[in-house]
């Protein structure tokens, strides 16, 4: 290695690109407050999509800078890149977002080199950042004590979190907040003079809501705390809910939700703060929830390789009906499924590989309204062969030989998506009690309606394409046929021209490529007559083309329909 090789210059250029990305990311994020105050709901959706696409665009831009600045023989001399990594470590040591800058470096390296050149010598496969940094500041929190009673404490909170738009009914909000707080906590806790409220100073924004996030605690216990705010256009800011239940707060930060916008100068601080109030969440999910989805991907990958190294777990085929487009496998002890595209699709499928990839990437940029699982896309996964059950590996090699191959004792997976593992809805219903069936079908219908409200039509709405989360929520996870609702032509089945038409095995009417006949849904969705009848009672309007057309009209008129990530008590 020669001392004249430009390691420091390459490292500096990579970090300059990261600073540029962070500035653009922060600019979009800081606009969230004004968009909320001005009720610019469509702009909120556009900003969310723009922030997601920003990362890849900026990586491509910096890749171009590097190629302009350095000749290919110099830049692509991978043997020298440990020097770049070492120079980069020195540059990021004093930073407050150093873990994000490591992931950024990895992205640039992968944009320059093939994945078979990945190593910890050249990249940050394992982080070099200590879990506790000496340069970290105190977490950005505000603390409140009930010295003048709960009402006074709540009044202080709303005074500190004021907006350009005033609260529409401050006294009514305070009364409702106090009532909800007393309903959520034991009476002795509400009377405890040691009770303390801690709230993260920045407000979190998502869709049509603003969220104050923190915790309540005394000497013995703690509870998560989320206060949800809405802008009732023309009627001021309204406090919509106070949530202290850990499961409900976890759903607000769910992998099925769009990402929050929050100004987080020290991401690790906030993630650690969230981890204290949501101990069941993996830090990968928490980074992703605030928009740092690439950092979430890094944390996920590190957790995966640590799990494989520290356990005897082996990949198996995921339970459920085999997919017609995707093949799905999992690790029993790791709550994730891995999805690969088959080389050949079932004849009933009209999509191709490029379309499937496009559909899955679309899900990243739209509002998932708590009803679509987030995905991470990976290329060139390499796993030891002995980490696969033989029948699982054999099936993958058979159905997707262009994606899965053997290289000695290593299994190469050239392309896949990961999603949170759920229980397929059809399997859940097979073993569910009568009450669980009712709840699941109620939520299944709500999932379809809420996706439609977000301008998403699932296409293939079969039960097997939905899953049930650990919180009992029904979530869609099979995306090869999704489309925007406004692209679909919903039709009533025309009346038969002659009595013979009804006896024919062929339709007596023309069918276009985007035509959907909701009247045909019942037998298509439910083989079980009892479930079919129950769903008709719960959500029979889904079988009416006019219901769907009404949603389309609202969306085309620019209406952003409310979908709340929490139970609205008393609403």
Protein backbone atom coordinates (compact mmCIF):
# COMPACT_ATOMS: atom_id res chain seq x y z
CA UNK A 1 0.00 0.00 0.00
CA UNK A 2 1.47 3.35 -0.99
CA UNK A 3 1.21 6.43 1.18
CA UNK A 4 0.24 8.52 -1.86
CA UNK A 5 -2.99 6.60 -2.45
CA UNK A 6 -5.84 9.12 -1.79
CA UNK A 7 -7.59 7.33 1.09
CA UNK A 8 -8.18 10.51 3.11
CA UNK A 9 -9.56 12.38 0.10
CA UNK A 10 -11.98 9.55 -0.76
CA UNK A 11 -13.10 9.33 2.87
CA UNK A 12 -13.67 13.10 3.03
CA UNK A 13 -15.69 13.11 -0.19
CA UNK A 14 -17.89 10.27 1.09
CA UNK A 15 -18.52 12.15 4.35
CA UNK A 16 -19.21 15.41 2.49
CA UNK A 17 -21.87 13.53 0.56
CA UNK A 18 -23.34 12.26 3.81
CA UNK A 19 -23.51 15.81 5.18
CA UNK A 20 -25.31 16.90 2.02
CA UNK A 21 -27.79 14.03 2.38
CA UNK A 22 -28.39 14.81 6.06
CA UNK A 23 -29.01 18.47 5.28
CA UNK A 24 -31.61 17.64 2.63
CA UNK A 25 -33.18 15.03 4.93
CA UNK A 26 -33.36 17.56 7.78
CA UNK A 27 -34.83 20.24 5.51
CA UNK A 28 -37.71 17.96 4.48
CA UNK A 29 -38.20 16.88 8.10
CA UNK A 30 -38.25 20.41 9.52
CA UNK A 31 -41.02 21.32 7.08
CA UNK A 32 -43.32 18.82 8.81
CA UNK A 33 -44.44 21.29 11.47
CA UNK A 34 -45.55 23.91 8.96
CA UNK A 35 -47.28 21.34 6.78
CA UNK A 36 -49.20 20.11 9.84
CA UNK A 37 -50.12 23.64 10.97
CA UNK A 38 -51.32 24.55 7.48
CA UNK A 39 -53.17 21.23 7.00
CA UNK A 40 -51.33 20.53 3.74
CA UNK A 41 -52.17 16.85 3.76
CA UNK A 42 -51.19 16.03 0.20
CA UNK A 43 -47.88 17.85 0.63
CA UNK A 44 -47.24 15.66 3.67
CA UNK A 45 -47.58 12.54 1.53
CA UNK A 46 -45.33 13.98 -1.18
CA UNK A 47 -42.69 14.97 1.38
CA UNK A 48 -42.71 11.49 2.91
CA UNK A 49 -42.12 9.89 -0.49
CA UNK A 50 -39.43 12.43 -1.39
CA UNK A 51 -37.54 11.77 1.84
CA UNK A 52 -37.56 8.01 1.23
CA UNK A 53 -36.19 8.35 -2.32
CA UNK A 54 -33.57 10.89 -1.20
CA UNK A 55 -31.08 8.32 0.11
CA UNK A 56 -30.57 6.34 -3.09
CA UNK A 57 -30.50 9.54 -5.15
CA UNK A 58 -27.75 11.02 -2.98
CA UNK A 59 -25.72 7.78 -2.99
CA UNK A 60 -25.83 7.82 -6.80
CA UNK A 61 -24.78 11.48 -6.80
CA UNK A 62 -21.75 10.86 -4.57
CA UNK A 63 -20.83 7.81 -6.64
CA UNK A 64 -20.66 10.20 -9.59
CA UNK A 65 -18.47 12.63 -7.64
CA UNK A 66 -16.02 9.86 -6.84
CA UNK A 67 -15.77 8.71 -10.44
CA UNK A 68 -15.24 12.29 -11.61
CA UNK A 69 -12.53 12.95 -9.04
CA UNK A 70 -10.55 9.70 -9.23
CA UNK A 71 -9.64 7.39 -12.09
CA UNK A 72 -11.19 3.93 -12.06
CA UNK A 73 -7.88 2.07 -11.45
CA UNK A 74 -7.34 4.20 -8.32
CA UNK A 75 -10.89 4.36 -7.00
CA UNK A 76 -11.66 0.68 -7.59
CA UNK A 77 -8.46 -0.73 -6.07
CA UNK A 78 -10.29 -2.63 -3.34
CA UNK A 79 -7.04 -3.68 -1.65
CA UNK A 80 -6.56 -0.06 -0.58
CA UNK A 81 -10.02 0.45 0.90
CA UNK A 82 -9.07 -0.53 4.47
CA UNK A 83 -7.13 2.76 4.36
CA UNK A 84 -10.32 4.60 3.39
CA UNK A 85 -12.21 2.96 6.22
CA UNK A 86 -9.56 3.92 8.76
CA UNK A 87 -9.48 7.51 7.50
CA UNK A 88 -13.26 7.63 7.64
CA UNK A 89 -13.33 6.37 11.24
CA UNK A 90 -11.12 9.27 12.29
CA UNK A 91 -13.48 11.71 10.56
CA UNK A 92 -16.68 10.40 12.14
CA UNK A 93 -15.40 9.84 15.70
CA UNK A 94 -16.58 13.27 16.98
CA UNK A 95 -19.98 13.12 15.26
CA UNK A 96 -23.34 12.70 16.96
CA UNK A 97 -24.77 10.65 14.07
CA UNK A 98 -21.75 8.44 13.57
CA UNK A 99 -23.70 5.18 13.31
CA UNK A 100 -25.66 6.62 10.37
CA UNK A 101 -22.42 7.73 8.71
CA UNK A 102 -21.09 4.17 8.89
CA UNK A 103 -24.16 2.90 7.04
CA UNK A 104 -23.76 5.66 4.46
CA UNK A 105 -20.15 4.57 3.85
CA UNK A 106 -21.36 0.98 3.37
CA UNK A 107 -23.89 2.14 0.79
CA UNK A 108 -21.20 3.96 -1.17
CA UNK A 109 -18.89 0.96 -1.05
CA UNK A 110 -21.66 -1.33 -2.33
CA UNK A 111 -22.44 1.13 -5.13
CA UNK A 112 -18.81 0.86 -6.29
CA UNK A 113 -17.97 -2.80 -5.79
CA UNK A 114 -19.67 -6.15 -6.30
CA UNK A 115 -21.02 -7.76 -3.16
CA UNK A 116 -18.50 -10.59 -3.22
CA UNK A 117 -15.85 -8.02 -2.22
CA UNK A 118 -17.67 -7.13 1.01
CA UNK A 119 -15.52 -7.64 4.09
CA UNK A 120 -15.20 -6.09 7.53
CA UNK A 121 -11.80 -4.79 6.52
CA UNK A 122 -13.28 -2.57 3.83
CA UNK A 123 -16.74 -1.94 5.30
CA UNK A 124 -18.59 -1.60 8.59
CA UNK A 125 -20.17 -5.04 8.72
CA UNK A 126 -19.84 -4.70 12.48
CA UNK A 127 -20.15 -1.21 13.90
CA UNK A 128 -17.09 0.49 15.38
CA UNK A 129 -19.32 2.79 17.42
CA UNK A 130 -19.42 2.17 21.20
CA UNK A 131 -22.88 1.65 22.65
CA UNK A 132 -22.27 4.54 25.04
CA UNK A 133 -20.37 7.48 23.59
CA UNK A 134 -18.43 9.88 25.75
CA UNK A 135 -19.46 12.81 23.56
CA UNK A 136 -23.20 12.24 23.84
CA UNK A 137 -25.27 15.02 25.34
CA UNK A 138 -28.17 14.55 27.70
CA UNK A 139 -31.24 13.25 25.90
CA UNK A 140 -33.52 15.96 24.53
CA UNK A 141 -36.31 15.64 27.06
CA UNK A 142 -38.64 17.86 29.05
CA UNK A 143 -39.69 16.82 32.54
CA UNK A 144 -42.91 17.65 34.38
CA UNK A 145 -44.08 17.01 37.95
CA UNK A 146 -47.67 17.28 39.26
CA UNK A 147 -46.84 19.91 41.87
CA UNK A 148 -50.13 21.71 41.20
CA UNK A 149 -52.06 18.54 40.33
CA UNK A 150 -52.51 16.60 37.11
CA UNK A 151 -54.46 19.36 35.37
CA UNK A 152 -51.63 21.84 35.98
CA UNK A 153 -49.07 19.32 34.72
CA UNK A 154 -51.03 18.78 31.52
CA UNK A 155 -51.50 22.53 31.07
CA UNK A 156 -47.72 22.99 31.27
CA UNK A 157 -47.20 20.34 28.61
CA UNK A 158 -49.61 21.92 26.13
CA UNK A 159 -48.11 25.35 26.82
CA UNK A 160 -44.63 24.04 25.96
CA UNK A 161 -45.91 22.33 22.82
CA UNK A 162 -47.67 25.29 21.22
CA UNK A 163 -48.21 25.71 17.48
CA UNK A 164 -48.82 28.60 15.11
CA UNK A 165 -52.44 27.41 15.17
CA UNK A 166 -53.95 27.69 18.68
CA UNK A 167 -55.65 24.87 20.54
CA UNK A 168 -59.32 25.00 19.58
CA UNK A 169 -60.69 24.04 23.01
CA UNK A 170 -57.84 24.04 25.50
CA UNK A 171 -59.98 23.60 28.61
CA UNK A 172 -61.97 20.79 27.02
CA UNK A 173 -58.76 19.10 25.91
CA UNK A 174 -57.27 19.36 29.39
CA UNK A 175 -60.37 17.90 30.99
CA UNK A 176 -60.43 15.00 28.56
CA UNK A 177 -56.67 14.41 28.94
CA UNK A 178 -56.94 14.29 32.71
CA UNK A 179 -59.89 11.91 32.53
CA UNK A 180 -58.01 9.59 30.14
CA UNK A 181 -54.90 9.70 32.31
CA UNK A 182 -56.85 8.76 35.41
CA UNK A 183 -58.52 5.95 33.46
CA UNK A 184 -55.13 4.63 32.32
CA UNK A 185 -53.27 4.69 35.64
CA UNK A 186 -54.07 3.34 39.11
CA UNK A 187 -55.47 5.95 41.48
CA UNK A 188 -52.46 5.73 43.80
CA UNK A 189 -50.12 6.55 40.89
CA UNK A 190 -52.13 9.65 39.97
CA UNK A 191 -51.82 10.83 43.58
CA UNK A 192 -48.09 10.03 43.86
CA UNK A 193 -46.13 13.29 44.27
CA UNK A 194 -43.10 11.51 42.76
CA UNK A 195 -44.93 10.91 39.46
CA UNK A 196 -42.88 12.38 36.61
CA UNK A 197 -43.63 12.90 32.93
CA UNK A 198 -40.74 12.93 30.46
CA UNK A 199 -41.40 13.95 26.86
CA UNK A 200 -39.01 13.98 23.94
CA UNK A 201 -38.56 17.65 23.01
CA UNK A 202 -39.11 17.36 19.23
CA UNK A 203 -42.65 16.62 18.08
CA UNK A 204 -43.12 13.59 15.82
CA UNK A 205 -45.25 14.14 12.71
CA UNK A 206 -46.87 11.56 10.46
CA UNK A 207 -49.77 11.84 8.02
CA UNK A 208 -52.43 14.11 9.60
CA UNK A 209 -51.17 13.75 13.18
CA UNK A 210 -48.57 15.18 15.55
CA UNK A 211 -47.34 13.11 18.48
CA UNK A 212 -45.75 13.95 21.81
CA UNK A 213 -43.77 10.89 22.88
CA UNK A 214 -42.33 10.02 26.27
CA UNK A 215 -43.02 8.18 29.48
CA UNK A 216 -44.58 8.47 32.93
CA UNK A 217 -42.73 6.98 35.89
CA UNK A 218 -42.47 6.94 39.65
CA UNK A 219 -40.06 5.16 41.96
CA UNK A 220 -41.50 1.72 41.14
CA UNK A 221 -42.88 1.63 37.62
CA UNK A 222 -42.95 3.33 34.22
CA UNK A 223 -45.48 3.60 31.41
CA UNK A 224 -45.00 4.78 27.83
CA UNK A 225 -46.85 7.98 26.99
CA UNK A 226 -48.08 9.26 23.64
CA UNK A 227 -50.29 12.32 23.26
CA UNK A 228 -51.84 12.48 19.78
CA UNK A 229 -52.74 15.86 18.29
CA UNK A 230 -54.85 16.72 15.24
CA UNK A 231 -55.34 19.91 13.27
CA UNK A 232 -59.09 20.34 12.85
CA UNK A 233 -58.92 22.68 9.88
CA UNK A 234 -60.56 25.95 10.91
CA UNK A 235 -61.15 24.73 14.46
CA UNK A 236 -57.62 24.72 15.85
CA UNK A 237 -55.37 22.02 17.29
CA UNK A 238 -57.15 19.26 19.18
CA UNK A 239 -55.80 16.69 21.60
CA UNK A 240 -57.22 13.47 20.19
CA UNK A 241 -55.90 10.77 22.53
CA UNK A 242 -53.59 9.93 25.39
CA UNK A 243 -52.06 6.44 25.23
CA UNK A 244 -50.13 4.68 27.99
CA UNK A 245 -50.63 1.03 27.03
CA UNK A 246 -47.35 -0.46 25.77
CA UNK A 247 -49.05 -2.61 23.14
CA UNK A 248 -50.96 0.37 21.72
CA UNK A 249 -47.85 2.56 21.68
CA UNK A 250 -45.98 -0.28 19.97
CA UNK A 251 -48.64 -0.30 17.23
CA UNK A 252 -48.11 3.44 16.71
CA UNK A 253 -44.44 2.65 16.00
CA UNK A 254 -45.37 -0.45 13.98
CA UNK A 255 -43.50 -1.86 10.97
CA UNK A 256 -46.79 -1.38 9.10
CA UNK A 257 -46.74 2.41 9.44
CA UNK A 258 -45.20 5.21 7.44
CA UNK A 259 -42.11 6.81 8.92
CA UNK A 260 -42.32 9.67 11.40
CA UNK A 261 -40.77 13.04 10.69
CA UNK A 262 -38.86 14.25 13.75
CA UNK A 263 -35.79 16.45 14.05
CA UNK A 264 -33.38 14.03 15.76
CA UNK A 265 -29.83 15.48 15.90
CA UNK A 266 -28.56 12.49 17.91
CA UNK A 267 -30.43 9.47 16.53
CA UNK A 268 -28.91 6.96 18.96
CA UNK A 269 -30.19 9.03 21.91
CA UNK A 270 -33.76 8.96 20.70
CA UNK A 271 -33.63 5.29 19.75
CA UNK A 272 -32.30 4.44 23.22
CA UNK A 273 -35.09 6.56 24.74
CA UNK A 274 -37.70 4.69 22.68
CA UNK A 275 -36.12 1.36 23.57
CA UNK A 276 -36.61 2.12 27.27
CA UNK A 277 -40.34 2.65 26.82
CA UNK A 278 -40.80 -0.07 24.17
CA UNK A 279 -38.42 -2.85 25.24
CA UNK A 280 -40.10 -5.34 22.89
CA UNK A 281 -39.06 -3.35 19.81
CA UNK A 282 -35.80 -4.15 18.04
CA UNK A 283 -33.62 -1.11 17.46
CA UNK A 284 -33.81 -1.82 13.71
CA UNK A 285 -37.55 -1.07 13.84
CA UNK A 286 -37.02 2.05 15.93
CA UNK A 287 -34.45 3.56 13.56
CA UNK A 288 -36.75 2.75 10.65
CA UNK A 289 -39.77 4.31 12.37
CA UNK A 290 -38.12 7.75 12.36
CA UNK A 291 -37.07 7.58 8.72
CA UNK A 292 -33.59 6.08 9.01
CA UNK A 293 -34.63 2.93 7.20
CA UNK A 294 -31.13 2.23 5.87
CA UNK A 295 -29.83 2.24 9.44
CA UNK A 296 -32.67 -0.09 10.30
CA UNK A 297 -31.48 -2.36 7.49
CA UNK A 298 -27.93 -2.35 8.90
CA UNK A 299 -29.15 -3.17 12.41
CA UNK A 300 -31.36 -5.94 11.03
CA UNK A 301 -28.47 -7.51 9.11
CA UNK A 302 -26.20 -7.42 12.16
CA UNK A 303 -28.91 -9.02 14.28
CA UNK A 304 -29.36 -11.72 11.62
CA UNK A 305 -25.69 -12.68 11.37
CA UNK A 306 -25.37 -12.63 15.16
CA UNK A 307 -28.41 -14.92 15.45
CA UNK A 308 -27.02 -17.36 12.90
CA UNK A 309 -23.61 -17.37 14.59
CA UNK A 310 -25.04 -17.89 18.06
CA UNK A 311 -27.75 -20.48 17.42
CA UNK A 312 -28.46 -23.80 15.72
CA UNK A 313 -31.41 -22.27 13.86
CA UNK A 314 -31.81 -23.41 10.25
CA UNK A 315 -33.83 -21.95 7.40
CA UNK A 316 -37.13 -23.72 6.66
CA UNK A 317 -39.98 -23.03 4.26
CA UNK A 318 -42.50 -20.65 5.81
CA UNK A 319 -45.85 -22.18 6.81
CA UNK A 320 -48.86 -21.47 4.63
CA UNK A 321 -49.99 -21.97 1.04
CA UNK A 322 -47.06 -21.86 -1.39
CA UNK A 323 -47.02 -18.60 -3.34
CA UNK A 324 -47.64 -18.42 -7.07
CA UNK A 325 -45.02 -15.69 -7.55
CA UNK A 326 -42.82 -15.70 -4.47
CA UNK A 327 -41.16 -18.46 -2.48
CA UNK A 328 -40.96 -17.70 1.24
CA UNK A 329 -38.63 -19.15 3.87
CA UNK A 330 -37.84 -18.28 7.46
CA UNK A 331 -35.77 -19.00 10.56
CA UNK A 332 -37.94 -20.42 13.36
CA UNK A 333 -36.10 -18.42 16.02
CA UNK A 334 -35.90 -15.14 14.07
CA UNK A 335 -39.14 -13.26 13.52
CA UNK A 336 -38.64 -12.58 9.81
CA UNK A 337 -39.55 -14.10 6.46
CA UNK A 338 -37.33 -14.00 3.37
CA UNK A 339 -39.11 -13.69 0.02
CA UNK A 340 -37.60 -14.48 -3.36
CA UNK A 341 -39.18 -14.27 -6.82
CA UNK A 342 -39.71 -17.59 -8.54
CA UNK A 343 -38.30 -18.16 -12.02
CA UNK A 344 -41.72 -19.28 -13.30
CA UNK A 345 -45.09 -18.01 -12.10
CA UNK A 346 -48.37 -19.87 -11.96
CA UNK A 347 -50.29 -19.57 -15.27
CA UNK A 348 -53.03 -17.46 -13.64
CA UNK A 349 -50.50 -14.70 -12.95
CA UNK A 350 -49.99 -12.12 -15.69
CA UNK A 351 -47.20 -10.12 -14.04
CA UNK A 352 -43.49 -10.48 -14.83
CA UNK A 353 -40.41 -10.22 -12.61
CA UNK A 354 -39.83 -6.52 -13.31
CA UNK A 355 -43.43 -5.70 -12.38
CA UNK A 356 -43.18 -7.63 -9.10
CA UNK A 357 -40.03 -5.70 -8.16
CA UNK A 358 -41.76 -2.43 -9.05
CA UNK A 359 -44.77 -3.30 -6.88
CA UNK A 360 -42.67 -4.21 -3.85
CA UNK A 361 -40.65 -1.00 -4.15
CA UNK A 362 -43.86 0.99 -4.45
CA UNK A 363 -44.91 -0.16 -0.97
CA UNK A 364 -41.89 1.64 0.49
CA UNK A 365 -43.03 5.02 -0.73
CA UNK A 366 -46.80 4.96 -0.06
CA UNK A 367 -48.75 5.44 3.15
CA UNK A 368 -49.08 1.91 4.56
CA UNK A 369 -51.74 3.05 7.10
CA UNK A 370 -50.80 0.24 9.48
CA UNK A 371 -52.04 -2.37 7.01
CA UNK A 372 -49.00 -3.27 4.86
CA UNK A 373 -45.78 -4.74 6.17
CA UNK A 374 -42.64 -2.74 5.52
CA UNK A 375 -39.96 -4.54 3.50
CA UNK A 376 -36.19 -4.39 3.19
CA UNK A 377 -34.58 -5.32 -0.12
CA UNK A 378 -31.27 -7.19 -0.09
CA UNK A 379 -28.84 -8.37 -2.76
CA UNK A 380 -26.25 -11.14 -2.59
CA UNK A 381 -26.97 -12.67 0.78
CA UNK A 382 -24.47 -15.43 1.56
CA UNK A 383 -25.26 -18.09 4.13
CA UNK A 384 -23.55 -21.36 5.11
CA UNK A 385 -25.18 -24.33 3.44
CA UNK A 386 -25.57 -26.10 6.77
CA UNK A 387 -27.88 -23.29 7.94
CA UNK A 388 -30.60 -24.63 5.60
CA UNK A 389 -32.80 -27.64 6.13
CA UNK A 390 -32.16 -29.88 3.08
CA UNK A 391 -35.78 -29.83 1.85
CA UNK A 392 -35.90 -26.02 2.13
CA UNK A 393 -32.70 -25.59 0.12
CA UNK A 394 -33.84 -28.12 -2.47
CA UNK A 395 -37.13 -26.27 -2.99
CA UNK A 396 -35.45 -22.87 -3.34
CA UNK A 397 -32.95 -24.25 -5.87
CA UNK A 398 -35.80 -25.81 -7.82
CA UNK A 399 -38.19 -22.84 -8.01
CA UNK A 400 -35.66 -20.00 -8.25
CA UNK A 401 -32.36 -21.26 -9.72
CA UNK A 402 -31.58 -17.83 -11.19
CA UNK A 403 -31.77 -16.32 -7.69
CA UNK A 404 -30.50 -19.11 -5.43
CA UNK A 405 -27.30 -21.01 -6.17
CA UNK A 406 -24.62 -23.03 -4.42
CA UNK A 407 -21.00 -21.94 -4.31
CA UNK A 408 -19.30 -24.78 -2.52
CA UNK A 409 -20.59 -24.75 1.05
CA UNK A 410 -22.17 -21.32 0.63
CA UNK A 411 -25.71 -20.52 -0.48
CA UNK A 412 -25.90 -17.35 -2.56
CA UNK A 413 -29.24 -15.52 -2.66
CA UNK A 414 -28.87 -12.85 -5.29
CA UNK A 415 -32.03 -10.93 -4.45
CA UNK A 416 -34.68 -11.06 -1.73
CA UNK A 417 -36.98 -9.06 0.48
CA UNK A 418 -37.41 -9.43 4.20
CA UNK A 419 -40.66 -8.85 6.08
CA UNK A 420 -41.86 -9.35 9.63
CA UNK A 421 -43.22 -12.87 10.07
CA UNK A 422 -46.93 -13.13 10.78
CA UNK A 423 -49.46 -15.93 11.01
CA UNK A 424 -51.23 -16.26 7.63
CA UNK A 425 -54.86 -15.27 8.13
CA UNK A 426 -56.21 -18.48 6.56
CA UNK A 427 -54.16 -20.58 9.03
CA UNK A 428 -55.15 -18.34 11.94
CA UNK A 429 -58.85 -18.82 11.19
CA UNK A 430 -58.48 -22.62 11.06
CA UNK A 431 -57.62 -22.71 14.78
CA UNK A 432 -59.43 -19.59 16.00
CA UNK A 433 -62.30 -19.54 18.47
CA UNK A 434 -65.65 -18.07 17.44
CA UNK A 435 -64.75 -14.77 19.07
CA UNK A 436 -61.33 -14.69 17.41
CA UNK A 437 -62.91 -15.37 14.02
CA UNK A 438 -65.26 -12.43 14.52
CA UNK A 439 -62.41 -10.10 15.53
CA UNK A 440 -60.15 -11.27 12.71
CA UNK A 441 -62.78 -10.86 9.99
CA UNK A 442 -63.78 -7.47 11.36
CA UNK A 443 -60.14 -6.37 11.17
CA UNK A 444 -59.65 -8.00 7.75
CA UNK A 445 -62.44 -5.83 6.37
CA UNK A 446 -61.04 -2.76 8.10
CA UNK A 447 -57.64 -3.49 6.58
CA UNK A 448 -59.12 -3.56 3.07
CA UNK A 449 -61.06 -0.35 3.73
CA UNK A 450 -58.08 1.49 5.20
CA UNK A 451 -55.84 0.45 2.33
CA UNK A 452 -58.50 1.72 -0.06
CA UNK A 453 -58.64 5.02 1.86
CA UNK A 454 -54.89 5.34 1.20
CA UNK A 455 -55.52 4.77 -2.54
CA UNK A 456 -54.23 1.18 -2.47
CA UNK A 457 -56.14 -1.76 -3.95
CA UNK A 458 -54.61 -5.10 -2.88
CA UNK A 459 -55.67 -6.91 -6.04
CA UNK A 460 -55.46 -10.45 -4.70
CA UNK A 461 -57.43 -10.20 -1.44
CA UNK A 462 -57.36 -13.90 -0.57
CA UNK A 463 -57.01 -14.68 3.13
CA UNK A 464 -53.60 -16.28 2.57
CA UNK A 465 -52.19 -12.92 1.48
CA UNK A 466 -52.95 -11.32 4.85
CA UNK A 467 -51.26 -12.04 8.16
CA UNK A 468 -52.10 -11.60 11.83
CA UNK A 469 -49.55 -9.77 14.00
CA UNK A 470 -48.74 -10.50 17.64
CA UNK A 471 -51.15 -7.69 18.54
CA UNK A 472 -53.96 -9.38 16.59
CA UNK A 473 -53.98 -6.87 13.73
CA UNK A 474 -54.60 -8.03 10.18
CA UNK A 475 -51.94 -6.87 7.73
CA UNK A 476 -51.53 -7.31 3.97
CA UNK A 477 -48.15 -8.66 2.83
CA UNK A 478 -48.35 -9.96 -0.76
CA UNK A 479 -47.77 -7.10 -3.18
CA UNK A 480 -47.40 -8.53 -6.68
CA UNK A 481 -50.91 -7.37 -7.71
CA UNK A 482 -51.33 -4.11 -5.80
CA UNK A 483 -52.31 -0.97 -7.68
CA UNK A 484 -53.53 2.49 -6.92
CA UNK A 485 -57.26 2.39 -6.24
CA UNK A 486 -57.87 5.14 -8.77
CA UNK A 487 -56.43 2.91 -11.54
CA UNK A 488 -59.11 0.25 -11.06
CA UNK A 489 -62.40 0.21 -12.97
CA UNK A 490 -65.05 -1.05 -10.53
CA UNK A 491 -68.14 -2.36 -12.29
CA UNK A 492 -71.50 -3.92 -11.54
CA UNK A 493 -72.13 -7.19 -13.33
CA UNK A 494 -74.53 -6.37 -16.20
CA UNK A 495 -77.88 -8.18 -16.11
CA UNK A 496 -78.03 -11.28 -18.34
CA UNK A 497 -79.33 -10.69 -21.82
CA UNK A 498 -81.06 -14.07 -22.01
CA UNK A 499 -81.83 -16.81 -19.44
CA UNK A 500 -79.12 -18.90 -21.10
CA UNK A 501 -76.47 -16.34 -20.11
CA UNK A 502 -76.74 -17.29 -16.45
CA UNK A 503 -76.21 -20.96 -17.26
CA UNK A 504 -73.12 -20.30 -19.34
CA UNK A 505 -69.65 -20.96 -17.96
CA UNK A 506 -68.42 -17.82 -19.72
CA UNK A 507 -69.34 -14.21 -18.90
CA UNK A 508 -71.83 -12.52 -21.21
CA UNK A 509 -70.06 -9.18 -20.86
CA UNK A 510 -66.69 -7.81 -21.87
CA UNK A 511 -63.93 -7.55 -19.24
CA UNK A 512 -61.09 -5.05 -19.49
CA UNK A 513 -57.63 -5.55 -17.91
CA UNK A 514 -58.44 -3.17 -15.01
CA UNK A 515 -62.05 -4.23 -14.47
CA UNK A 516 -63.07 -5.51 -11.03
CA UNK A 517 -66.54 -6.81 -10.12
CA UNK A 518 -66.97 -6.61 -6.31
CA UNK A 519 -70.12 -8.78 -6.51
CA UNK A 520 -67.79 -11.68 -7.28
CA UNK A 521 -65.80 -11.28 -4.06
CA UNK A 522 -67.80 -13.52 -1.64
CA UNK A 523 -67.11 -16.99 -3.15
CA UNK A 524 -63.64 -15.86 -4.23
CA UNK A 525 -62.60 -14.80 -0.71
CA UNK A 526 -64.38 -17.38 1.43
CA UNK A 527 -64.75 -21.11 0.87
CA UNK A 528 -66.29 -21.37 4.34
CA UNK A 529 -69.99 -20.46 4.07
CA UNK A 530 -70.19 -19.33 7.72
CA UNK A 531 -67.24 -16.98 7.34
CA UNK A 532 -68.69 -15.69 4.07
CA UNK A 533 -72.00 -14.83 5.71
CA UNK A 534 -70.32 -13.27 8.75
CA UNK A 535 -68.12 -11.06 6.58
CA UNK A 536 -71.15 -9.98 4.56
CA UNK A 537 -72.80 -8.78 7.78
CA UNK A 538 -69.64 -6.98 8.90
CA UNK A 539 -68.45 -5.46 5.64
CA UNK A 540 -71.07 -6.14 3.00
CA UNK A 541 -70.49 -2.75 1.36
CA UNK A 542 -67.20 -4.10 -0.02
CA UNK A 543 -69.30 -6.16 -2.44
CA UNK A 544 -70.84 -3.01 -3.95
CA UNK A 545 -69.03 -1.30 -6.83
CA UNK A 546 -70.57 2.03 -5.80
CA UNK A 547 -68.74 1.89 -2.45
CA UNK A 548 -65.40 1.70 -4.23
CA UNK A 549 -66.37 4.37 -6.74
CA UNK A 550 -67.24 6.70 -3.86
CA UNK A 551 -63.76 6.24 -2.40
CA UNK A 552 -62.23 6.93 -5.80
CA UNK A 553 -64.20 10.16 -6.11
CA UNK A 554 -63.02 11.33 -2.68
CA UNK A 555 -59.38 10.54 -3.51
CA UNK A 556 -59.56 12.27 -6.90
CA UNK A 557 -61.07 15.29 -5.16
CA UNK A 558 -57.90 15.53 -3.07
CA UNK A 559 -59.38 14.27 0.19
CA UNK A 560 -56.90 12.53 2.51
CA UNK A 561 -59.04 10.17 4.55
CA UNK A 562 -58.37 9.79 8.29
CA UNK A 563 -56.83 6.51 9.45
CA UNK A 564 -55.85 6.51 13.12
CA UNK A 565 -53.07 4.30 14.55
CA UNK A 566 -54.73 4.15 17.98
CA UNK A 567 -58.12 3.55 19.55
CA UNK A 568 -60.07 6.80 19.82
CA UNK A 569 -61.71 6.38 23.20
CA UNK A 570 -65.06 8.11 23.51
CA UNK A 571 -65.00 9.28 19.90
